[in-house]
Amino acid sequence: MAKASELRAKDVAALETEIKDLLKAHFNMRMQKATQQLNDTSALKKTRRDIARAKTILTEKKGAAQ
């Protein structure tokens, strides 16, 4: 779980990489859930919120750069 303060310290390229990694992890968890191998289903909600948090900060940084 990434905190907003940690994400704000990263640059745009690092945030894009972080989002890509989170999306990949979320996809893997969805596949585990579909095959009933995922024990902690609340992890899906956590990663979804982490993705949203990272995307929000990325949008803020891109807006400030303009």
N, C-alpha and C. Protein backbone atom coordinates (compact mmCIF):
# COMPACT_ATOMS: atom_id res chain seq x y z
N MET A 1 0.84 -1.18 0.00
CA MET A 1 0.00 0.00 0.00
C MET A 1 0.89 1.24 0.00
N ALA A 2 0.76 2.02 -1.03
CA ALA A 2 1.58 3.22 -1.17
C ALA A 2 0.85 4.41 -0.57
N LYS A 3 1.58 5.18 0.24
CA LYS A 3 1.00 6.37 0.81
C LYS A 3 1.10 7.51 -0.18
N ALA A 4 0.21 8.47 -0.06
CA ALA A 4 0.19 9.60 -0.98
C ALA A 4 1.49 10.40 -0.89
N SER A 5 2.04 10.54 0.29
CA SER A 5 3.27 11.31 0.45
C SER A 5 4.44 10.63 -0.27
N GLU A 6 4.45 9.29 -0.26
CA GLU A 6 5.50 8.56 -0.97
C GLU A 6 5.34 8.73 -2.47
N LEU A 7 4.09 8.71 -2.95
CA LEU A 7 3.83 8.85 -4.38
C LEU A 7 4.15 10.26 -4.86
N ARG A 8 3.88 11.27 -4.04
CA ARG A 8 4.16 12.65 -4.43
C ARG A 8 5.66 12.90 -4.58
N ALA A 9 6.48 12.13 -3.90
CA ALA A 9 7.93 12.29 -3.99
C ALA A 9 8.49 11.76 -5.31
N LYS A 10 7.72 10.94 -6.01
CA LYS A 10 8.20 10.34 -7.26
C LYS A 10 7.97 11.28 -8.43
N ASP A 11 8.75 11.09 -9.49
CA ASP A 11 8.54 11.88 -10.70
C ASP A 11 7.51 11.19 -11.60
N VAL A 12 7.18 11.82 -12.72
CA VAL A 12 6.11 11.34 -13.60
C VAL A 12 6.42 9.94 -14.13
N ALA A 13 7.64 9.71 -14.57
CA ALA A 13 8.00 8.40 -15.13
C ALA A 13 7.87 7.30 -14.07
N ALA A 14 8.30 7.60 -12.85
CA ALA A 14 8.21 6.61 -11.78
C ALA A 14 6.75 6.32 -11.43
N LEU A 15 5.91 7.34 -11.48
CA LEU A 15 4.48 7.13 -11.21
C LEU A 15 3.84 6.26 -12.28
N GLU A 16 4.21 6.50 -13.53
CA GLU A 16 3.65 5.68 -14.61
C GLU A 16 4.07 4.23 -14.46
N THR A 17 5.31 4.00 -14.06
CA THR A 17 5.79 2.64 -13.81
C THR A 17 5.04 2.01 -12.65
N GLU A 18 4.82 2.79 -11.60
CA GLU A 18 4.09 2.30 -10.42
C GLU A 18 2.66 1.89 -10.81
N ILE A 19 2.00 2.71 -11.62
CA ILE A 19 0.64 2.41 -12.06
C ILE A 19 0.62 1.13 -12.88
N LYS A 20 1.61 0.99 -13.77
CA LYS A 20 1.68 -0.22 -14.61
C LYS A 20 1.85 -1.47 -13.74
N ASP A 21 2.70 -1.38 -12.73
CA ASP A 21 2.92 -2.51 -11.83
C ASP A 21 1.67 -2.84 -11.02
N LEU A 22 0.97 -1.79 -10.56
CA LEU A 22 -0.25 -2.01 -9.79
C LEU A 22 -1.34 -2.64 -10.65
N LEU A 23 -1.45 -2.21 -11.90
CA LEU A 23 -2.44 -2.79 -12.80
C LEU A 23 -2.15 -4.26 -13.07
N LYS A 24 -0.88 -4.58 -13.21
CA LYS A 24 -0.48 -5.97 -13.44
C LYS A 24 -0.81 -6.83 -12.20
N ALA A 25 -0.51 -6.29 -11.02
CA ALA A 25 -0.80 -7.01 -9.78
C ALA A 25 -2.31 -7.20 -9.61
N HIS A 26 -3.09 -6.17 -9.94
CA HIS A 26 -4.54 -6.26 -9.82
C HIS A 26 -5.09 -7.32 -10.78
N PHE A 27 -4.56 -7.36 -11.99
CA PHE A 27 -4.99 -8.38 -12.95
C PHE A 27 -4.70 -9.78 -12.42
N ASN A 28 -3.49 -9.97 -11.89
CA ASN A 28 -3.13 -11.29 -11.34
C ASN A 28 -4.05 -11.69 -10.19
N MET A 29 -4.41 -10.72 -9.35
CA MET A 29 -5.32 -11.03 -8.24
C MET A 29 -6.71 -11.40 -8.76
N ARG A 30 -7.16 -10.72 -9.80
CA ARG A 30 -8.46 -11.05 -10.39
C ARG A 30 -8.46 -12.47 -10.94
N MET A 31 -7.37 -12.87 -11.57
CA MET A 31 -7.27 -14.24 -12.10
C MET A 31 -7.25 -15.25 -10.96
N GLN A 32 -6.54 -14.92 -9.86
CA GLN A 32 -6.52 -15.81 -8.71
C GLN A 32 -7.92 -15.93 -8.10
N LYS A 33 -8.64 -14.82 -8.07
CA LYS A 33 -10.00 -14.86 -7.53
C LYS A 33 -10.90 -15.73 -8.41
N ALA A 34 -10.73 -15.63 -9.71
CA ALA A 34 -11.56 -16.40 -10.64
C ALA A 34 -11.31 -17.90 -10.49
N THR A 35 -10.06 -18.26 -10.19
CA THR A 35 -9.74 -19.68 -10.02
C THR A 35 -9.81 -20.10 -8.55
N GLN A 36 -10.33 -19.20 -7.71
CA GLN A 36 -10.52 -19.43 -6.28
C GLN A 36 -9.23 -19.77 -5.55
N GLN A 37 -8.15 -19.08 -5.93
CA GLN A 37 -6.87 -19.24 -5.24
C GLN A 37 -6.54 -18.04 -4.37
N LEU A 38 -7.35 -16.98 -4.46
CA LEU A 38 -7.09 -15.76 -3.70
C LEU A 38 -7.76 -15.87 -2.33
N ASN A 39 -6.94 -15.79 -1.28
CA ASN A 39 -7.46 -15.90 0.08
C ASN A 39 -7.97 -14.56 0.59
N ASP A 40 -7.21 -13.49 0.32
CA ASP A 40 -7.54 -12.16 0.84
C ASP A 40 -8.23 -11.34 -0.25
N THR A 41 -9.54 -11.42 -0.31
CA THR A 41 -10.27 -10.72 -1.36
C THR A 41 -10.28 -9.21 -1.14
N SER A 42 -9.98 -8.76 0.06
CA SER A 42 -9.93 -7.32 0.31
C SER A 42 -8.71 -6.69 -0.36
N ALA A 43 -7.76 -7.50 -0.77
CA ALA A 43 -6.58 -6.99 -1.47
C ALA A 43 -6.96 -6.38 -2.82
N LEU A 44 -8.03 -6.88 -3.42
CA LEU A 44 -8.50 -6.31 -4.68
C LEU A 44 -8.92 -4.85 -4.49
N LYS A 45 -9.64 -4.59 -3.44
CA LYS A 45 -10.10 -3.24 -3.15
C LYS A 45 -8.91 -2.33 -2.85
N LYS A 46 -7.94 -2.85 -2.10
CA LYS A 46 -6.76 -2.05 -1.75
C LYS A 46 -5.96 -1.67 -2.98
N THR A 47 -5.75 -2.63 -3.88
CA THR A 47 -4.96 -2.31 -5.08
C THR A 47 -5.73 -1.37 -5.99
N ARG A 48 -7.05 -1.51 -6.06
CA ARG A 48 -7.85 -0.61 -6.88
C ARG A 48 -7.73 0.82 -6.37
N ARG A 49 -7.73 0.99 -5.06
CA ARG A 49 -7.60 2.32 -4.48
C ARG A 49 -6.18 2.86 -4.64
N ASP A 50 -5.18 1.99 -4.56
CA ASP A 50 -3.80 2.42 -4.80
C ASP A 50 -3.63 2.92 -6.23
N ILE A 51 -4.26 2.22 -7.18
CA ILE A 51 -4.20 2.64 -8.58
C ILE A 51 -4.83 4.02 -8.73
N ALA A 52 -5.99 4.21 -8.13
CA ALA A 52 -6.68 5.50 -8.21
C ALA A 52 -5.85 6.60 -7.58
N ARG A 53 -5.23 6.30 -6.44
CA ARG A 53 -4.40 7.29 -5.75
C ARG A 53 -3.22 7.70 -6.62
N ALA A 54 -2.57 6.73 -7.24
CA ALA A 54 -1.41 7.00 -8.08
C ALA A 54 -1.82 7.79 -9.33
N LYS A 55 -2.96 7.43 -9.92
CA LYS A 55 -3.44 8.14 -11.11
C LYS A 55 -3.80 9.59 -10.78
N THR A 56 -4.38 9.81 -9.61
CA THR A 56 -4.75 11.16 -9.19
C THR A 56 -3.51 12.03 -9.04
N ILE A 57 -2.49 11.50 -8.39
CA ILE A 57 -1.26 12.26 -8.18
C ILE A 57 -0.55 12.50 -9.51
N LEU A 58 -0.59 11.52 -10.41
CA LEU A 58 0.00 11.69 -11.74
C LEU A 58 -0.70 12.81 -12.50
N THR A 59 -2.02 12.87 -12.42
CA THR A 59 -2.78 13.93 -13.08
C THR A 59 -2.43 15.29 -12.48
N GLU A 60 -2.28 15.35 -11.15
CA GLU A 60 -1.90 16.59 -10.51
C GLU A 60 -0.54 17.07 -10.98
N LYS A 61 0.42 16.14 -11.08
CA LYS A 61 1.77 16.51 -11.51
C LYS A 61 1.79 16.97 -12.97
N LYS A 62 1.01 16.29 -13.81
CA LYS A 62 0.97 16.69 -15.23
C LYS A 62 0.30 18.05 -15.38
N GLY A 63 -0.72 18.32 -14.57
CA GLY A 63 -1.40 19.61 -14.61
C GLY A 63 -0.51 20.74 -14.12
N ALA A 64 0.30 20.47 -13.11
CA ALA A 64 1.21 21.48 -12.57
C ALA A 64 2.35 21.77 -13.54
N ALA A 65 2.70 20.79 -14.37
CA ALA A 65 3.80 20.97 -15.32
C ALA A 65 3.41 21.88 -16.48
N GLN A 66 2.11 22.01 -16.73
CA GLN A 66 1.66 22.81 -17.87
C GLN A 66 1.59 24.27 -17.57
